[in-house]
Amino acid sequence: MVVIRESENELLSILGETYKNKLFDYANIIGYSIEEDGNEIRIEFNPDRPDLFSFFALKENMKIYYDNNFRIKGILGQSDIKLIPDNNVLKVRPYVLAFVASGGKIGKNVSHIIEYQERLHETIGKSRKKVAIGIHDLNKIKPNFKYTIIDSNKIKFTTYDGFTGTADEIIKIMKREQNSQACFRINQRFL
C-alpha cells in the first residue's frame, strides 16, 4: 500500500476547501482509505494507482470527476536538447526517456514533486530496479546530456534540499533522515 499524508492546513492550501470536503466522498467512489489523526490527513492507496500518489495528483483526478475538467492537451513536441545514452548504460537501463517540462514555477512545491517521485521509485520502480526518475533544473545545467554509469563514490553533487556528498554518502544521510522521521512519527502517535 502507498500512503500519502499531509497536515490539514497544508492540505487546504493544496486542495482548497471545496476539494477537501469532497475528499471523503471521493474515497468511497474510487476506493481508498482515509484517516484523520489530529491535524494530519492520511490516505492509503493500492499500488496500482500511481496517478494518485500525491495530493496534487489526487486533486486533478477529483477535478475530472466532479467538474468534468479534462486538461489533456497536445503536450509532445520536438526539442533541440539531446539525451545520449552510453552503451554501458543500456545494459543496465535498456530504455531511457527524457522530457522538458515548462510552464509555471515549481517554487515551494518541489518537495511534493520529490515525494511523488519517491513513491513512484518505490512502487512501480521496484525500489529503482525497474524505473528511476531524475528531475533537474535546466537553468542550472547545460544540454546536451550524456547518460552514463559512474562509480557512486567518484562524483559529488548537492541535492535539492541541500545534502552534499557522493551518491553513497547522500543515500546514507537520507536513510538516516527517513528512519529518524519515521521514529518521530511513531513517537508522536504514542505521546
Protein backbone atom coordinates (compact mmCIF):
# COMPACT_ATOMS: atom_id res chain seq x y z
CA MET A 1 0.00 0.00 0.00
CA VAL A 2 1.08 3.57 -0.67
CA VAL A 3 0.44 6.19 1.99
CA ILE A 4 0.34 9.94 1.49
CA ARG A 5 -0.04 12.28 4.46
CA GLU A 6 -0.28 15.98 4.98
CA SER A 7 -1.27 18.44 7.67
CA GLU A 8 -4.81 19.75 7.34
CA ASN A 9 -3.56 23.34 6.90
CA GLU A 10 -1.22 22.37 4.06
CA LEU A 11 -3.94 20.21 2.53
CA LEU A 12 -6.32 23.17 2.44
CA SER A 13 -3.69 25.20 0.56
CA ILE A 14 -3.24 22.35 -1.95
CA LEU A 15 -6.86 21.31 -2.43
CA GLY A 16 -8.89 24.26 -1.28
CA GLU A 17 -11.94 23.98 0.97
CA THR A 18 -14.20 22.59 -1.78
CA TYR A 19 -11.99 19.63 -2.59
CA LYS A 20 -11.02 18.92 1.00
CA ASN A 21 -14.72 18.40 1.74
CA LYS A 22 -15.06 16.08 -1.28
CA LEU A 23 -12.02 14.00 -0.26
CA PHE A 24 -14.05 11.61 1.89
CA ASP A 25 -16.78 11.22 -0.72
CA TYR A 26 -14.21 10.50 -3.44
CA ALA A 27 -12.66 7.82 -1.21
CA ASN A 28 -15.92 5.86 -1.43
CA ILE A 29 -16.08 6.33 -5.20
CA ILE A 30 -12.62 5.06 -6.15
CA GLY A 31 -11.78 3.05 -3.04
CA TYR A 32 -9.04 4.43 -0.86
CA SER A 33 -8.67 4.54 2.88
CA ILE A 34 -8.61 7.95 4.59
CA GLU A 35 -7.91 8.74 8.23
CA GLU A 36 -7.65 11.90 10.29
CA ASP A 37 -5.16 11.87 13.14
CA GLY A 38 -5.17 15.22 14.91
CA ASN A 39 -4.08 17.76 12.31
CA GLU A 40 -2.83 15.10 9.85
CA ILE A 41 -4.80 13.56 6.99
CA ARG A 42 -3.53 10.14 5.90
CA ILE A 43 -4.65 8.37 2.71
CA GLU A 44 -3.74 4.81 1.76
CA PHE A 45 -3.92 3.71 -1.90
CA ASN A 46 -3.49 0.42 -3.68
CA PRO A 47 -0.16 0.42 -5.52
CA ASP A 48 -1.95 0.13 -8.87
CA ARG A 49 -2.95 3.83 -8.78
CA PRO A 50 0.30 5.77 -9.31
CA ASP A 51 -1.81 8.58 -10.78
CA LEU A 52 -2.99 9.33 -7.21
CA PHE A 53 0.27 9.17 -5.23
CA SER A 54 0.25 12.87 -4.29
CA PHE A 55 -2.38 15.34 -3.13
CA PHE A 56 -1.78 17.42 -6.27
CA ALA A 57 -2.46 14.39 -8.49
CA LEU A 58 -5.49 13.48 -6.39
CA LYS A 59 -6.88 17.00 -6.80
CA GLU A 60 -6.52 16.80 -10.60
CA ASN A 61 -8.35 13.44 -10.63
CA MET A 62 -11.11 14.89 -8.48
CA LYS A 63 -11.47 17.85 -10.89
CA ILE A 64 -12.06 15.40 -13.73
CA TYR A 65 -14.74 13.57 -11.75
CA TYR A 66 -16.53 16.48 -10.11
CA ASP A 67 -16.04 19.28 -12.66
CA ASN A 68 -15.57 17.38 -15.95
CA ASN A 69 -12.29 19.28 -16.19
CA PHE A 70 -10.29 17.23 -18.68
CA ARG A 71 -6.99 19.07 -19.13
CA ILE A 72 -5.46 16.79 -21.71
CA LYS A 73 -3.57 18.83 -24.28
CA GLY A 74 -1.19 18.07 -27.07
CA ILE A 75 1.97 18.22 -24.98
CA LEU A 76 4.54 16.37 -27.04
CA GLY A 77 6.82 18.20 -29.40
CA GLN A 78 10.40 18.15 -30.57
CA SER A 79 13.28 19.60 -28.60
CA ASP A 80 16.76 20.59 -29.64
CA ILE A 81 18.04 19.14 -26.37
CA LYS A 82 19.56 15.69 -26.72
CA LEU A 83 19.98 12.88 -24.19
CA ILE A 84 22.67 10.48 -25.39
CA PRO A 85 22.81 7.16 -23.52
CA ASP A 86 26.20 5.50 -23.23
CA ASN A 87 26.32 1.87 -24.40
CA ASN A 88 27.23 0.70 -20.86
CA VAL A 89 24.01 2.25 -19.51
CA LEU A 90 21.82 0.36 -21.95
CA LYS A 91 22.93 -2.93 -20.35
CA VAL A 92 21.50 -1.72 -17.02
CA ARG A 93 18.68 0.54 -18.25
CA PRO A 94 17.64 -0.61 -21.73
CA TYR A 95 15.04 2.15 -22.01
CA VAL A 96 15.78 5.83 -21.44
CA LEU A 97 13.30 8.68 -21.73
CA ALA A 98 13.66 12.40 -21.13
CA PHE A 99 11.36 15.36 -21.47
CA VAL A 100 11.41 19.06 -20.78
CA ALA A 101 8.57 20.43 -18.68
CA SER A 102 7.85 24.11 -18.83
CA GLY A 103 5.22 26.43 -17.52
CA GLY A 104 4.56 27.75 -14.05
CA LYS A 105 7.18 27.98 -11.33
CA ILE A 106 7.57 24.97 -9.05
CA GLY A 107 8.61 27.07 -6.05
CA LYS A 108 7.67 25.62 -2.69
CA ASN A 109 6.02 22.60 -4.37
CA VAL A 110 9.37 20.98 -5.17
CA SER A 111 9.16 18.85 -2.02
CA HIS A 112 5.75 17.50 -3.11
CA ILE A 113 7.17 16.61 -6.52
CA ILE A 114 10.13 14.82 -4.93
CA GLU A 115 7.81 12.89 -2.58
CA TYR A 116 5.70 11.81 -5.59
CA GLN A 117 8.87 10.79 -7.42
CA GLU A 118 9.98 8.69 -4.43
CA ARG A 119 6.60 6.91 -4.26
CA LEU A 120 6.95 6.04 -7.95
CA HIS A 121 10.50 4.78 -7.33
CA GLU A 122 9.35 2.53 -4.51
CA THR A 123 6.20 1.15 -6.17
CA ILE A 124 6.27 0.81 -9.95
CA GLY A 125 10.05 1.36 -9.97
CA LYS A 126 10.58 -1.61 -7.62
CA SER A 127 12.98 0.39 -5.41
CA ARG A 128 14.68 1.86 -8.53
CA LYS A 129 15.43 -1.57 -10.02
CA LYS A 130 12.94 -1.08 -12.87
CA VAL A 131 12.44 2.69 -13.04
CA ALA A 132 14.48 5.66 -11.82
CA ILE A 133 13.46 9.28 -12.28
CA GLY A 134 15.68 12.34 -12.22
CA ILE A 135 14.43 15.91 -12.01
CA HIS A 136 16.80 18.71 -12.97
CA ASP A 137 16.61 22.47 -13.31
CA LEU A 138 17.52 23.39 -16.90
CA ASN A 139 18.55 26.84 -15.72
CA LYS A 140 21.40 25.26 -13.76
CA ILE A 141 22.68 22.65 -16.22
CA LYS A 142 23.70 22.80 -19.87
CA PRO A 143 22.48 20.47 -22.62
CA ASN A 144 23.24 18.16 -24.39
CA PHE A 145 23.33 15.34 -21.86
CA LYS A 146 25.29 12.12 -21.79
CA TYR A 147 23.67 9.38 -19.72
CA THR A 148 26.34 7.04 -18.38
CA ILE A 149 27.34 4.90 -15.43
CA ILE A 150 29.72 6.41 -12.89
CA ASP A 151 31.03 4.87 -9.67
CA SER A 152 28.78 6.22 -6.90
CA ASN A 153 31.82 7.18 -4.81
CA LYS A 154 33.51 9.22 -7.56
CA ILE A 155 31.02 12.01 -8.14
CA LYS A 156 29.82 14.66 -5.70
CA PHE A 157 26.65 16.67 -6.00
CA THR A 158 24.12 18.62 -3.95
CA THR A 159 20.50 17.50 -3.67
CA TYR A 160 17.57 19.92 -3.98
CA ASP A 161 17.30 20.10 -0.19
CA GLY A 162 20.96 20.81 0.47
CA PHE A 163 22.69 17.48 1.13
CA THR A 164 26.17 17.47 -0.43
CA GLY A 165 28.38 14.45 -0.95
CA THR A 166 28.91 11.37 -3.07
CA ALA A 167 25.86 9.34 -4.07
CA ASP A 168 26.66 6.73 -1.40
CA GLU A 169 27.03 9.41 1.29
CA ILE A 170 23.77 11.09 0.31
CA ILE A 171 21.88 7.79 0.33
CA LYS A 172 23.20 7.04 3.84
CA ILE A 173 22.20 10.53 5.05
CA MET A 174 18.75 10.22 3.51
CA LYS A 175 18.18 6.76 5.03
CA ARG A 176 19.12 8.15 8.45
CA GLU A 177 16.72 11.06 7.88
CA GLN A 178 13.90 8.73 6.82
CA ASN A 179 14.48 6.50 9.84
CA SER A 180 14.53 9.44 12.23
CA GLN A 181 11.36 10.90 10.63
CA ALA A 182 9.63 7.52 10.88
CA CYS A 183 10.67 7.25 14.55
CA PHE A 184 9.45 10.81 15.14
CA ARG A 185 6.03 9.99 13.62
CA ILE A 186 5.79 6.79 15.69
CA ASN A 187 6.75 8.66 18.87
CA GLN A 188 4.21 11.42 18.09
CA ARG A 189 1.41 8.87 17.90
CA PHE A 190 2.24 7.43 21.30
CA LEU A 191 2.51 10.78 23.09
